[in-house]
């Protein structure tokens, strides 16, 4: 039996996909070599950092259908944990970053367990309250530096001190690892359980899915990744801020809205879309860094536009374009051509 054209196309895709991924990673790794320091700290470092957070948040929002408006709180917990450990206790950054993820995950458990019965807007409001509470506590607590924040040491590995450009390689490595972990989780049994939760509680329960357990699991994973992203942010934010400090004012409601925008604009329930959304929002922030209020307005406009006209987000644009092209007047479809 001769192979069908579709099977041949899939086989060719399977051969070229690893090569395409390797080429993309190599191209990204070369960016610091040709970039300016302002572009690195203004766009490259934020895009990679936010991609990690968006991957976890999309696992929660796109995977289980739970909209969180408080992930800026976990982001802040990760940033301040890494800052305190590296400055006060002299932890190396490569230990402070995973520790920040663990602490954020513990807060995720503490918040996830009492709110697991909440659904829809009630869950969103609970997470929003958590995010605002964290920002307020960090802004007034003396151990967190109050309104002036905490000073973070520049990341070092032995005697080598990272700068804006070289630290991007650390972020890129963390983002690549996160992407493949989330992709495998999303396409495994756990990911299917998340989708069952999103589609129907009754159907999920009938299939043997532990509703509370999987809801908390998705929430905690997203909190851990938000904490890791926050720790990375604390390390490169010093290159952007002359005082080399992290303050609570960075982690308010606009940050949570921006994180949700990354997921929605990139594409709900799309792992690759999380990357696209993070890159897009980071680009908006970079080009409108002198007008942050305009950037925040644009976040909301992008969310509304995607939900109205392109629910697949940036990741769904190719399919949307093909569908629109196929529906153009005068085009002959394959089925019509053969009667």
C-alpha atoms as a PDB file:
ATOM      1  CA  UNK A   1       0.000   0.000   0.000  1.00  0.00           C
ATOM      2  CA  UNK A   2       1.376   3.380  -0.976  1.00  0.00           C
ATOM      3  CA  UNK A   3       1.545   5.958   1.822  1.00  0.00           C
ATOM      4  CA  UNK A   4      -0.982   8.771   1.619  1.00  0.00           C
ATOM      5  CA  UNK A   5       0.113  12.370   1.017  1.00  0.00           C
ATOM      6  CA  UNK A   6      -0.979  13.273   4.552  1.00  0.00           C
ATOM      7  CA  UNK A   7       1.191  10.572   6.132  1.00  0.00           C
ATOM      8  CA  UNK A   8       4.169  11.685   4.051  1.00  0.00           C
ATOM      9  CA  UNK A   9       3.629  15.275   5.152  1.00  0.00           C
ATOM     10  CA  UNK A  10       3.470  14.211   8.785  1.00  0.00           C
ATOM     11  CA  UNK A  11       6.638  12.174   8.383  1.00  0.00           C
ATOM     12  CA  UNK A  12       8.478  15.123   6.881  1.00  0.00           C
ATOM     13  CA  UNK A  13       7.200  17.316   9.727  1.00  0.00           C
ATOM     14  CA  UNK A  14       8.489  14.806  12.268  1.00  0.00           C
ATOM     15  CA  UNK A  15      11.941  14.914  10.679  1.00  0.00           C
ATOM     16  CA  UNK A  16      12.177  18.684  10.438  1.00  0.00           C
ATOM     17  CA  UNK A  17      10.564  19.661  13.733  1.00  0.00           C
ATOM     18  CA  UNK A  18      13.604  18.854  15.981  1.00  0.00           C
ATOM     19  CA  UNK A  19      15.870  20.684  13.537  1.00  0.00           C
ATOM     20  CA  UNK A  20      13.554  23.704  13.518  1.00  0.00           C
ATOM     21  CA  UNK A  21      13.445  23.764  17.324  1.00  0.00           C
ATOM     22  CA  UNK A  22      17.236  23.510  17.542  1.00  0.00           C
ATOM     23  CA  UNK A  23      17.637  26.323  15.018  1.00  0.00           C
ATOM     24  CA  UNK A  24      15.193  28.534  16.922  1.00  0.00           C
ATOM     25  CA  UNK A  25      16.987  27.932  20.229  1.00  0.00           C
ATOM     26  CA  UNK A  26      20.358  28.662  18.607  1.00  0.00           C
ATOM     27  CA  UNK A  27      18.998  31.893  17.117  1.00  0.00           C
ATOM     28  CA  UNK A  28      17.642  32.986  20.493  1.00  0.00           C
ATOM     29  CA  UNK A  29      20.937  32.158  22.184  1.00  0.00           C
ATOM     30  CA  UNK A  30      22.736  34.421  19.715  1.00  0.00           C
ATOM     31  CA  UNK A  31      20.536  37.438  20.433  1.00  0.00           C
ATOM     32  CA  UNK A  32      22.660  38.751  23.341  1.00  0.00           C
ATOM     33  CA  UNK A  33      25.666  38.781  21.027  1.00  0.00           C
ATOM     34  CA  UNK A  34      24.021  41.257  18.673  1.00  0.00           C
ATOM     35  CA  UNK A  35      21.793  43.221  21.069  1.00  0.00           C
ATOM     36  CA  UNK A  36      22.332  46.404  23.002  1.00  0.00           C
ATOM     37  CA  UNK A  37      22.150  46.385  26.785  1.00  0.00           C
ATOM     38  CA  UNK A  38      19.020  48.552  26.783  1.00  0.00           C
ATOM     39  CA  UNK A  39      17.251  46.167  24.406  1.00  0.00           C
ATOM     40  CA  UNK A  40      18.301  43.160  26.495  1.00  0.00           C
ATOM     41  CA  UNK A  41      17.029  44.505  29.816  1.00  0.00           C
ATOM     42  CA  UNK A  42      14.046  46.244  28.225  1.00  0.00           C
ATOM     43  CA  UNK A  43      12.781  43.397  26.053  1.00  0.00           C
ATOM     44  CA  UNK A  44      14.789  40.148  26.003  1.00  0.00           C
ATOM     45  CA  UNK A  45      14.977  39.560  29.760  1.00  0.00           C
ATOM     46  CA  UNK A  46      11.317  40.509  30.392  1.00  0.00           C
ATOM     47  CA  UNK A  47      10.046  38.396  27.476  1.00  0.00           C
ATOM     48  CA  UNK A  48      11.826  35.269  28.691  1.00  0.00           C
ATOM     49  CA  UNK A  49      10.777  35.848  32.288  1.00  0.00           C
ATOM     50  CA  UNK A  50       7.142  36.499  31.462  1.00  0.00           C
ATOM     51  CA  UNK A  51       7.063  33.473  29.173  1.00  0.00           C
ATOM     52  CA  UNK A  52       7.733  31.254  32.198  1.00  0.00           C
ATOM     53  CA  UNK A  53       4.898  32.844  34.144  1.00  0.00           C
ATOM     54  CA  UNK A  54       2.524  32.729  31.154  1.00  0.00           C
ATOM     55  CA  UNK A  55       3.218  29.015  30.615  1.00  0.00           C
ATOM     56  CA  UNK A  56       2.089  28.266  34.157  1.00  0.00           C
ATOM     57  CA  UNK A  57      -0.845  30.664  34.097  1.00  0.00           C
ATOM     58  CA  UNK A  58      -2.107  29.226  30.798  1.00  0.00           C
ATOM     59  CA  UNK A  59      -1.989  25.783  32.371  1.00  0.00           C
ATOM     60  CA  UNK A  60      -4.434  27.132  34.949  1.00  0.00           C
ATOM     61  CA  UNK A  61      -6.622  29.380  32.777  1.00  0.00           C
ATOM     62  CA  UNK A  62      -6.529  27.518  29.480  1.00  0.00           C
ATOM     63  CA  UNK A  63      -6.200  24.046  30.964  1.00  0.00           C
ATOM     64  CA  UNK A  64      -8.740  24.118  33.798  1.00  0.00           C
ATOM     65  CA  UNK A  65     -10.743  27.256  32.999  1.00  0.00           C
ATOM     66  CA  UNK A  66      -9.923  29.005  36.297  1.00  0.00           C
ATOM     67  CA  UNK A  67      -9.174  32.699  35.750  1.00  0.00           C
ATOM     68  CA  UNK A  68      -6.686  34.053  38.266  1.00  0.00           C
ATOM     69  CA  UNK A  69      -6.253  37.796  38.695  1.00  0.00           C
ATOM     70  CA  UNK A  70      -3.741  37.490  41.515  1.00  0.00           C
ATOM     71  CA  UNK A  71      -0.639  35.942  39.998  1.00  0.00           C
ATOM     72  CA  UNK A  72       1.200  39.216  40.472  1.00  0.00           C
ATOM     73  CA  UNK A  73       1.129  38.198  44.142  1.00  0.00           C
ATOM     74  CA  UNK A  74       3.034  34.972  43.484  1.00  0.00           C
ATOM     75  CA  UNK A  75       5.349  36.884  41.164  1.00  0.00           C
ATOM     76  CA  UNK A  76       6.042  39.332  44.020  1.00  0.00           C
ATOM     77  CA  UNK A  77       6.594  36.526  46.534  1.00  0.00           C
ATOM     78  CA  UNK A  78       9.185  34.972  44.234  1.00  0.00           C
ATOM     79  CA  UNK A  79      10.919  38.313  43.648  1.00  0.00           C
ATOM     80  CA  UNK A  80      11.132  39.259  47.318  1.00  0.00           C
ATOM     81  CA  UNK A  81      12.135  35.748  48.389  1.00  0.00           C
ATOM     82  CA  UNK A  82      15.025  35.727  45.932  1.00  0.00           C
ATOM     83  CA  UNK A  83      15.976  39.271  46.889  1.00  0.00           C
ATOM     84  CA  UNK A  84      16.012  38.579  50.616  1.00  0.00           C
ATOM     85  CA  UNK A  85      17.911  35.307  50.256  1.00  0.00           C
ATOM     86  CA  UNK A  86      20.534  36.775  47.947  1.00  0.00           C
ATOM     87  CA  UNK A  87      21.066  40.042  49.818  1.00  0.00           C
ATOM     88  CA  UNK A  88      20.537  39.180  53.495  1.00  0.00           C
ATOM     89  CA  UNK A  89      21.587  35.525  53.546  1.00  0.00           C
ATOM     90  CA  UNK A  90      24.041  35.648  50.613  1.00  0.00           C
ATOM     91  CA  UNK A  91      22.433  32.744  48.763  1.00  0.00           C
ATOM     92  CA  UNK A  92      23.705  32.214  45.204  1.00  0.00           C
ATOM     93  CA  UNK A  93      21.060  33.138  42.654  1.00  0.00           C
ATOM     94  CA  UNK A  94      20.875  29.584  41.305  1.00  0.00           C
ATOM     95  CA  UNK A  95      19.678  28.408  44.731  1.00  0.00           C
ATOM     96  CA  UNK A  96      17.508  31.435  45.499  1.00  0.00           C
ATOM     97  CA  UNK A  97      15.492  31.023  42.290  1.00  0.00           C
ATOM     98  CA  UNK A  98      14.171  27.474  42.957  1.00  0.00           C
ATOM     99  CA  UNK A  99      13.687  28.391  46.641  1.00  0.00           C
ATOM    100  CA  UNK A 100      11.477  31.275  45.524  1.00  0.00           C
ATOM    101  CA  UNK A 101       9.441  28.843  43.438  1.00  0.00           C
ATOM    102  CA  UNK A 102       8.967  26.562  46.447  1.00  0.00           C
ATOM    103  CA  UNK A 103       7.846  29.421  48.710  1.00  0.00           C
ATOM    104  CA  UNK A 104       5.413  30.682  46.067  1.00  0.00           C
ATOM    105  CA  UNK A 105       4.109  27.121  45.680  1.00  0.00           C
ATOM    106  CA  UNK A 106       3.462  26.867  49.420  1.00  0.00           C
ATOM    107  CA  UNK A 107       1.430  30.069  49.244  1.00  0.00           C
ATOM    108  CA  UNK A 108      -0.362  28.529  46.275  1.00  0.00           C
ATOM    109  CA  UNK A 109      -1.363  25.559  48.419  1.00  0.00           C
ATOM    110  CA  UNK A 110      -2.478  27.861  51.226  1.00  0.00           C
ATOM    111  CA  UNK A 111      -4.679  29.841  48.829  1.00  0.00           C
ATOM    112  CA  UNK A 112      -5.752  26.968  46.610  1.00  0.00           C
ATOM    113  CA  UNK A 113      -7.167  24.722  49.321  1.00  0.00           C
ATOM    114  CA  UNK A 114      -9.748  27.170  50.738  1.00  0.00           C
ATOM    115  CA  UNK A 115     -10.730  28.524  47.315  1.00  0.00           C
ATOM    116  CA  UNK A 116     -11.054  25.230  45.434  1.00  0.00           C
ATOM    117  CA  UNK A 117     -14.840  25.289  45.861  1.00  0.00           C
ATOM    118  CA  UNK A 118     -15.075  28.698  44.217  1.00  0.00           C
ATOM    119  CA  UNK A 119     -15.703  28.893  40.489  1.00  0.00           C
ATOM    120  CA  UNK A 120     -16.038  31.600  37.885  1.00  0.00           C
ATOM    121  CA  UNK A 121     -15.941  35.216  39.083  1.00  0.00           C
ATOM    122  CA  UNK A 122     -15.794  34.198  42.755  1.00  0.00           C
ATOM    123  CA  UNK A 123     -12.472  32.438  42.235  1.00  0.00           C
ATOM    124  CA  UNK A 124     -11.153  35.387  40.227  1.00  0.00           C
ATOM    125  CA  UNK A 125     -12.132  37.852  42.959  1.00  0.00           C
ATOM    126  CA  UNK A 126     -10.489  35.702  45.638  1.00  0.00           C
ATOM    127  CA  UNK A 127      -7.208  35.618  43.727  1.00  0.00           C
ATOM    128  CA  UNK A 128      -7.453  39.351  43.023  1.00  0.00           C
ATOM    129  CA  UNK A 129      -7.805  40.019  46.739  1.00  0.00           C
ATOM    130  CA  UNK A 130      -4.771  37.835  47.417  1.00  0.00           C
ATOM    131  CA  UNK A 131      -2.644  39.705  44.910  1.00  0.00           C
ATOM    132  CA  UNK A 132      -3.611  43.109  46.318  1.00  0.00           C
ATOM    133  CA  UNK A 133      -3.020  41.883  49.872  1.00  0.00           C
ATOM    134  CA  UNK A 134       0.486  40.643  49.049  1.00  0.00           C
ATOM    135  CA  UNK A 135       1.415  43.957  47.408  1.00  0.00           C
ATOM    136  CA  UNK A 136       0.114  45.897  50.416  1.00  0.00           C
ATOM    137  CA  UNK A 137       1.958  43.736  52.962  1.00  0.00           C
ATOM    138  CA  UNK A 138       5.233  43.919  51.045  1.00  0.00           C
ATOM    139  CA  UNK A 139       4.833  47.672  50.728  1.00  0.00           C
ATOM    140  CA  UNK A 140       4.479  48.229  54.482  1.00  0.00           C
ATOM    141  CA  UNK A 141       6.540  45.452  56.123  1.00  0.00           C
ATOM    142  CA  UNK A 142       9.918  46.538  57.448  1.00  0.00           C
ATOM    143  CA  UNK A 143      11.514  43.177  56.615  1.00  0.00           C
ATOM    144  CA  UNK A 144      10.565  43.791  52.966  1.00  0.00           C
ATOM    145  CA  UNK A 145      12.013  47.300  52.938  1.00  0.00           C
ATOM    146  CA  UNK A 146       8.648  49.079  52.986  1.00  0.00           C
ATOM    147  CA  UNK A 147       8.008  51.442  50.095  1.00  0.00           C
ATOM    148  CA  UNK A 148      11.695  51.594  49.202  1.00  0.00           C
ATOM    149  CA  UNK A 149      11.888  47.818  48.687  1.00  0.00           C
ATOM    150  CA  UNK A 150      14.958  45.638  49.049  1.00  0.00           C
ATOM    151  CA  UNK A 151      18.324  45.791  47.358  1.00  0.00           C
ATOM    152  CA  UNK A 152      19.238  42.724  45.301  1.00  0.00           C
ATOM    153  CA  UNK A 153      22.811  41.672  44.629  1.00  0.00           C
ATOM    154  CA  UNK A 154      23.855  41.202  41.027  1.00  0.00           C
ATOM    155  CA  UNK A 155      23.727  37.504  40.033  1.00  0.00           C
ATOM    156  CA  UNK A 156      27.058  35.740  40.203  1.00  0.00           C
ATOM    157  CA  UNK A 157      28.436  32.298  39.378  1.00  0.00           C
ATOM    158  CA  UNK A 158      31.706  31.942  41.220  1.00  0.00           C
ATOM    159  CA  UNK A 159      33.797  34.982  40.395  1.00  0.00           C
ATOM    160  CA  UNK A 160      31.756  35.813  37.275  1.00  0.00           C
ATOM    161  CA  UNK A 161      29.105  38.532  37.557  1.00  0.00           C
ATOM    162  CA  UNK A 162      26.284  38.414  35.031  1.00  0.00           C
ATOM    163  CA  UNK A 163      25.215  41.483  33.119  1.00  0.00           C
ATOM    164  CA  UNK A 164      22.050  42.359  31.169  1.00  0.00           C
ATOM    165  CA  UNK A 165      23.142  40.362  28.137  1.00  0.00           C
ATOM    166  CA  UNK A 166      24.654  37.236  29.666  1.00  0.00           C
ATOM    167  CA  UNK A 167      21.807  36.794  32.162  1.00  0.00           C
ATOM    168  CA  UNK A 168      19.448  36.274  29.229  1.00  0.00           C
ATOM    169  CA  UNK A 169      21.076  32.876  28.711  1.00  0.00           C
ATOM    170  CA  UNK A 170      20.013  31.889  32.231  1.00  0.00           C
ATOM    171  CA  UNK A 171      16.468  33.056  31.513  1.00  0.00           C
ATOM    172  CA  UNK A 172      16.426  31.304  28.149  1.00  0.00           C
ATOM    173  CA  UNK A 173      17.535  28.020  29.696  1.00  0.00           C
ATOM    174  CA  UNK A 174      14.850  28.268  32.378  1.00  0.00           C
ATOM    175  CA  UNK A 175      12.201  29.121  29.773  1.00  0.00           C
ATOM    176  CA  UNK A 176      13.152  26.172  27.546  1.00  0.00           C
ATOM    177  CA  UNK A 177      13.021  23.731  30.465  1.00  0.00           C
ATOM    178  CA  UNK A 178       9.673  25.175  31.565  1.00  0.00           C
ATOM    179  CA  UNK A 179       8.235  24.937  28.056  1.00  0.00           C
ATOM    180  CA  UNK A 180       9.029  21.249  27.647  1.00  0.00           C
ATOM    181  CA  UNK A 181       7.860  20.395  31.161  1.00  0.00           C
ATOM    182  CA  UNK A 182       4.531  22.175  30.626  1.00  0.00           C
ATOM    183  CA  UNK A 183       4.132  20.728  27.122  1.00  0.00           C
ATOM    184  CA  UNK A 184       4.615  17.170  28.393  1.00  0.00           C
ATOM    185  CA  UNK A 185       2.344  17.774  31.349  1.00  0.00           C
ATOM    186  CA  UNK A 186      -0.326  19.278  29.121  1.00  0.00           C
ATOM    187  CA  UNK A 187      -0.246  16.350  26.663  1.00  0.00           C
ATOM    188  CA  UNK A 188      -0.185  13.639  29.319  1.00  0.00           C
ATOM    189  CA  UNK A 189      -2.795  12.155  31.642  1.00  0.00           C
ATOM    190  CA  UNK A 190      -2.639  15.175  33.960  1.00  0.00           C
ATOM    191  CA  UNK A 191      -3.332  17.543  31.083  1.00  0.00           C
ATOM    192  CA  UNK A 192      -6.328  15.472  30.004  1.00  0.00           C
ATOM    193  CA  UNK A 193      -7.649  15.638  33.565  1.00  0.00           C
ATOM    194  CA  UNK A 194      -7.284  19.420  33.496  1.00  0.00           C
ATOM    195  CA  UNK A 195      -9.298  19.611  30.268  1.00  0.00           C
ATOM    196  CA  UNK A 196     -11.982  17.369  31.750  1.00  0.00           C
ATOM    197  CA  UNK A 197     -12.274  19.805  34.661  1.00  0.00           C
ATOM    198  CA  UNK A 198     -12.594  22.711  32.257  1.00  0.00           C
ATOM    199  CA  UNK A 199     -15.284  21.090  30.146  1.00  0.00           C
ATOM    200  CA  UNK A 200     -17.515  19.541  32.807  1.00  0.00           C
ATOM    201  CA  UNK A 201     -17.208  18.750  36.507  1.00  0.00           C
ATOM    202  CA  UNK A 202     -19.768  15.968  36.185  1.00  0.00           C
ATOM    203  CA  UNK A 203     -18.005  14.311  33.263  1.00  0.00           C
ATOM    204  CA  UNK A 204     -14.639  14.645  34.991  1.00  0.00           C
ATOM    205  CA  UNK A 205     -15.979  13.067  38.164  1.00  0.00           C
ATOM    206  CA  UNK A 206     -17.525  10.245  36.133  1.00  0.00           C
ATOM    207  CA  UNK A 207     -14.101   9.586  34.587  1.00  0.00           C
ATOM    208  CA  UNK A 208     -12.534   9.274  38.017  1.00  0.00           C
ATOM    209  CA  UNK A 209     -10.846  12.702  38.081  1.00  0.00           C
ATOM    210  CA  UNK A 210     -10.319  14.046  41.606  1.00  0.00           C
ATOM    211  CA  UNK A 211     -11.744  17.534  41.141  1.00  0.00           C
ATOM    212  CA  UNK A 212     -10.252  19.250  44.178  1.00  0.00           C
ATOM    213  CA  UNK A 213      -6.862  17.587  43.808  1.00  0.00           C
ATOM    214  CA  UNK A 214      -6.360  18.526  40.170  1.00  0.00           C
ATOM    215  CA  UNK A 215      -7.632  22.068  40.670  1.00  0.00           C
ATOM    216  CA  UNK A 216      -5.150  22.641  43.474  1.00  0.00           C
ATOM    217  CA  UNK A 217      -2.399  20.948  41.460  1.00  0.00           C
ATOM    218  CA  UNK A 218      -2.892  23.285  38.493  1.00  0.00           C
ATOM    219  CA  UNK A 219      -3.004  26.290  40.793  1.00  0.00           C
ATOM    220  CA  UNK A 220       0.150  25.292  42.663  1.00  0.00           C
ATOM    221  CA  UNK A 221       2.124  24.577  39.468  1.00  0.00           C
ATOM    222  CA  UNK A 222       1.199  28.002  38.116  1.00  0.00           C
ATOM    223  CA  UNK A 223       2.171  29.593  41.448  1.00  0.00           C
ATOM    224  CA  UNK A 224       5.582  27.839  41.438  1.00  0.00           C
ATOM    225  CA  UNK A 225       6.335  29.047  37.916  1.00  0.00           C
ATOM    226  CA  UNK A 226       5.185  32.570  38.808  1.00  0.00           C
ATOM    227  CA  UNK A 227       7.545  32.494  41.797  1.00  0.00           C
ATOM    228  CA  UNK A 228      10.461  31.372  39.632  1.00  0.00           C
ATOM    229  CA  UNK A 229       9.668  34.116  37.129  1.00  0.00           C
ATOM    230  CA  UNK A 230       9.563  36.639  39.972  1.00  0.00           C
ATOM    231  CA  UNK A 231      12.976  35.496  41.189  1.00  0.00           C
ATOM    232  CA  UNK A 232      14.421  35.937  37.708  1.00  0.00           C
ATOM    233  CA  UNK A 233      12.811  39.370  37.541  1.00  0.00           C
ATOM    234  CA  UNK A 234      14.450  40.387  40.822  1.00  0.00           C
ATOM    235  CA  UNK A 235      17.863  39.496  39.392  1.00  0.00           C
ATOM    236  CA  UNK A 236      17.623  41.413  36.101  1.00  0.00           C
ATOM    237  CA  UNK A 237      15.560  44.293  37.473  1.00  0.00           C
ATOM    238  CA  UNK A 238      18.727  45.587  39.109  1.00  0.00           C
ATOM    239  CA  UNK A 239      20.161  46.253  35.666  1.00  0.00           C
ATOM    240  CA  UNK A 240      17.102  48.375  34.867  1.00  0.00           C
ATOM    241  CA  UNK A 241      16.853  50.231  38.180  1.00  0.00           C
ATOM    242  CA  UNK A 242      19.868  52.279  39.246  1.00  0.00           C
ATOM    243  CA  UNK A 243      19.028  51.623  42.916  1.00  0.00           C
ATOM    244  CA  UNK A 244      19.158  47.861  42.228  1.00  0.00           C
ATOM    245  CA  UNK A 245      16.014  47.382  44.307  1.00  0.00           C
ATOM    246  CA  UNK A 246      12.695  45.557  44.051  1.00  0.00           C
ATOM    247  CA  UNK A 247       9.625  47.462  45.279  1.00  0.00           C
ATOM    248  CA  UNK A 248       6.026  46.417  45.860  1.00  0.00           C
ATOM    249  CA  UNK A 249       4.693  49.061  43.452  1.00  0.00           C
ATOM    250  CA  UNK A 250       5.704  46.804  40.557  1.00  0.00           C
ATOM    251  CA  UNK A 251       3.262  44.060  41.538  1.00  0.00           C
ATOM    252  CA  UNK A 252      -0.127  45.767  41.568  1.00  0.00           C
ATOM    253  CA  UNK A 253      -3.289  45.095  39.586  1.00  0.00           C
ATOM    254  CA  UNK A 254      -1.804  46.284  36.241  1.00  0.00           C
ATOM    255  CA  UNK A 255       0.765  43.485  36.470  1.00  0.00           C
ATOM    256  CA  UNK A 256      -1.955  40.847  36.957  1.00  0.00           C
ATOM    257  CA  UNK A 257      -3.914  42.257  34.016  1.00  0.00           C
ATOM    258  CA  UNK A 258      -0.784  42.133  31.869  1.00  0.00           C
ATOM    259  CA  UNK A 259      -0.223  38.476  32.808  1.00  0.00           C
ATOM    260  CA  UNK A 260      -3.795  37.549  31.868  1.00  0.00           C
ATOM    261  CA  UNK A 261      -3.376  39.477  28.616  1.00  0.00           C
ATOM    262  CA  UNK A 262      -0.323  37.362  27.763  1.00  0.00           C
ATOM    263  CA  UNK A 263      -2.365  34.181  28.068  1.00  0.00           C
ATOM    264  CA  UNK A 264      -5.456  35.450  26.239  1.00  0.00           C
ATOM    265  CA  UNK A 265      -3.604  37.233  23.440  1.00  0.00           C
ATOM    266  CA  UNK A 266      -1.198  34.334  22.947  1.00  0.00           C
ATOM    267  CA  UNK A 267      -3.959  31.754  22.850  1.00  0.00           C
ATOM    268  CA  UNK A 268      -5.879  30.016  25.610  1.00  0.00           C
ATOM    269  CA  UNK A 269      -4.794  26.403  26.128  1.00  0.00           C
ATOM    270  CA  UNK A 270      -1.841  26.840  23.756  1.00  0.00           C
ATOM    271  CA  UNK A 271       1.622  26.178  25.146  1.00  0.00           C
ATOM    272  CA  UNK A 272       3.343  27.930  22.266  1.00  0.00           C
ATOM    273  CA  UNK A 273       0.753  30.695  22.446  1.00  0.00           C
ATOM    274  CA  UNK A 274       1.964  31.490  25.973  1.00  0.00           C
ATOM    275  CA  UNK A 275       5.379  32.307  24.510  1.00  0.00           C
ATOM    276  CA  UNK A 276       3.845  34.452  21.770  1.00  0.00           C
ATOM    277  CA  UNK A 277       1.685  36.344  24.252  1.00  0.00           C
ATOM    278  CA  UNK A 278       4.618  37.032  26.571  1.00  0.00           C
ATOM    279  CA  UNK A 279       6.728  38.299  23.664  1.00  0.00           C
ATOM    280  CA  UNK A 280       3.880  40.497  22.391  1.00  0.00           C
ATOM    281  CA  UNK A 281       3.126  42.119  25.758  1.00  0.00           C
ATOM    282  CA  UNK A 282       6.848  42.576  26.440  1.00  0.00           C
ATOM    283  CA  UNK A 283       7.175  44.327  23.085  1.00  0.00           C
ATOM    284  CA  UNK A 284       4.263  46.619  23.978  1.00  0.00           C
ATOM    285  CA  UNK A 285       5.897  47.446  27.315  1.00  0.00           C
ATOM    286  CA  UNK A 286       9.229  48.109  25.630  1.00  0.00           C
ATOM    287  CA  UNK A 287       7.916  50.416  22.932  1.00  0.00           C
ATOM    288  CA  UNK A 288       5.578  52.235  25.333  1.00  0.00           C
ATOM    289  CA  UNK A 289       7.885  52.328  28.354  1.00  0.00           C
ATOM    290  CA  UNK A 290       7.545  56.117  28.520  1.00  0.00           C
ATOM    291  CA  UNK A 291       3.743  55.872  28.471  1.00  0.00           C
ATOM    292  CA  UNK A 292       2.811  52.967  30.785  1.00  0.00           C
ATOM    293  CA  UNK A 293      -0.813  54.118  31.076  1.00  0.00           C
ATOM    294  CA  UNK A 294      -1.211  53.690  27.307  1.00  0.00           C
ATOM    295  CA  UNK A 295       0.289  50.199  27.518  1.00  0.00           C
ATOM    296  CA  UNK A 296      -2.233  49.220  30.208  1.00  0.00           C
ATOM    297  CA  UNK A 297      -5.081  50.490  28.034  1.00  0.00           C
ATOM    298  CA  UNK A 298      -3.741  48.460  25.137  1.00  0.00           C
ATOM    299  CA  UNK A 299      -3.757  45.282  27.265  1.00  0.00           C
ATOM    300  CA  UNK A 300      -7.494  45.591  27.773  1.00  0.00           C
ATOM    301  CA  UNK A 301      -8.112  46.424  24.131  1.00  0.00           C
ATOM    302  CA  UNK A 302      -6.130  43.374  23.022  1.00  0.00           C
ATOM    303  CA  UNK A 303      -8.064  41.080  25.362  1.00  0.00           C
ATOM    304  CA  UNK A 304     -11.404  42.360  24.057  1.00  0.00           C
ATOM    305  CA  UNK A 305     -10.283  42.123  20.424  1.00  0.00           C
ATOM    306  CA  UNK A 306      -9.039  38.550  20.809  1.00  0.00           C
ATOM    307  CA  UNK A 307     -12.164  37.362  22.621  1.00  0.00           C
ATOM    308  CA  UNK A 308     -14.406  38.933  19.966  1.00  0.00           C
ATOM    309  CA  UNK A 309     -12.618  38.115  16.721  1.00  0.00           C
ATOM    310  CA  UNK A 310      -9.737  35.683  17.304  1.00  0.00           C
ATOM    311  CA  UNK A 311     -10.383  33.417  20.245  1.00  0.00           C
ATOM    312  CA  UNK A 312      -7.412  31.269  19.342  1.00  0.00           C
ATOM    313  CA  UNK A 313      -5.125  34.245  19.942  1.00  0.00           C
ATOM    314  CA  UNK A 314      -1.837  34.675  18.106  1.00  0.00           C
ATOM    315  CA  UNK A 315      -1.324  30.914  18.076  1.00  0.00           C
ATOM    316  CA  UNK A 316      -4.625  30.471  16.242  1.00  0.00           C
ATOM    317  CA  UNK A 317      -4.012  33.096  13.563  1.00  0.00           C
ATOM    318  CA  UNK A 318      -2.628  30.627  10.966  1.00  0.00           C
ATOM    319  CA  UNK A 319      -5.756  28.440  11.217  1.00  0.00           C
ATOM    320  CA  UNK A 320      -7.999  31.520  11.201  1.00  0.00           C
ATOM    321  CA  UNK A 321      -6.216  32.845   8.119  1.00  0.00           C
ATOM    322  CA  UNK A 322      -6.528  29.517   6.288  1.00  0.00           C
ATOM    323  CA  UNK A 323     -10.237  29.348   7.114  1.00  0.00           C
ATOM    324  CA  UNK A 324     -10.811  32.905   5.912  1.00  0.00           C
ATOM    325  CA  UNK A 325      -8.825  32.246   2.733  1.00  0.00           C
ATOM    326  CA  UNK A 326     -10.789  29.097   2.021  1.00  0.00           C
ATOM    327  CA  UNK A 327     -14.093  30.935   2.404  1.00  0.00           C
ATOM    328  CA  UNK A 328     -13.233  33.666  -0.087  1.00  0.00           C
ATOM    329  CA  UNK A 329     -15.760  33.977  -2.950  1.00  0.00           C
ATOM    330  CA  UNK A 330     -14.689  32.198  -6.103  1.00  0.00           C
ATOM    331  CA  UNK A 331     -12.364  29.670  -4.416  1.00  0.00           C
ATOM    332  CA  UNK A 332     -13.019  26.027  -5.309  1.00  0.00           C
ATOM    333  CA  UNK A 333     -12.784  23.524  -2.476  1.00  0.00           C
ATOM    334  CA  UNK A 334     -11.388  20.046  -2.997  1.00  0.00           C
ATOM    335  CA  UNK A 335     -14.700  18.381  -2.259  1.00  0.00           C
ATOM    336  CA  UNK A 336     -16.568  20.657  -4.668  1.00  0.00           C
ATOM    337  CA  UNK A 337     -14.057  20.070  -7.473  1.00  0.00           C
ATOM    338  CA  UNK A 338     -14.860  16.348  -7.550  1.00  0.00           C
ATOM    339  CA  UNK A 339     -18.592  16.857  -7.455  1.00  0.00           C
END
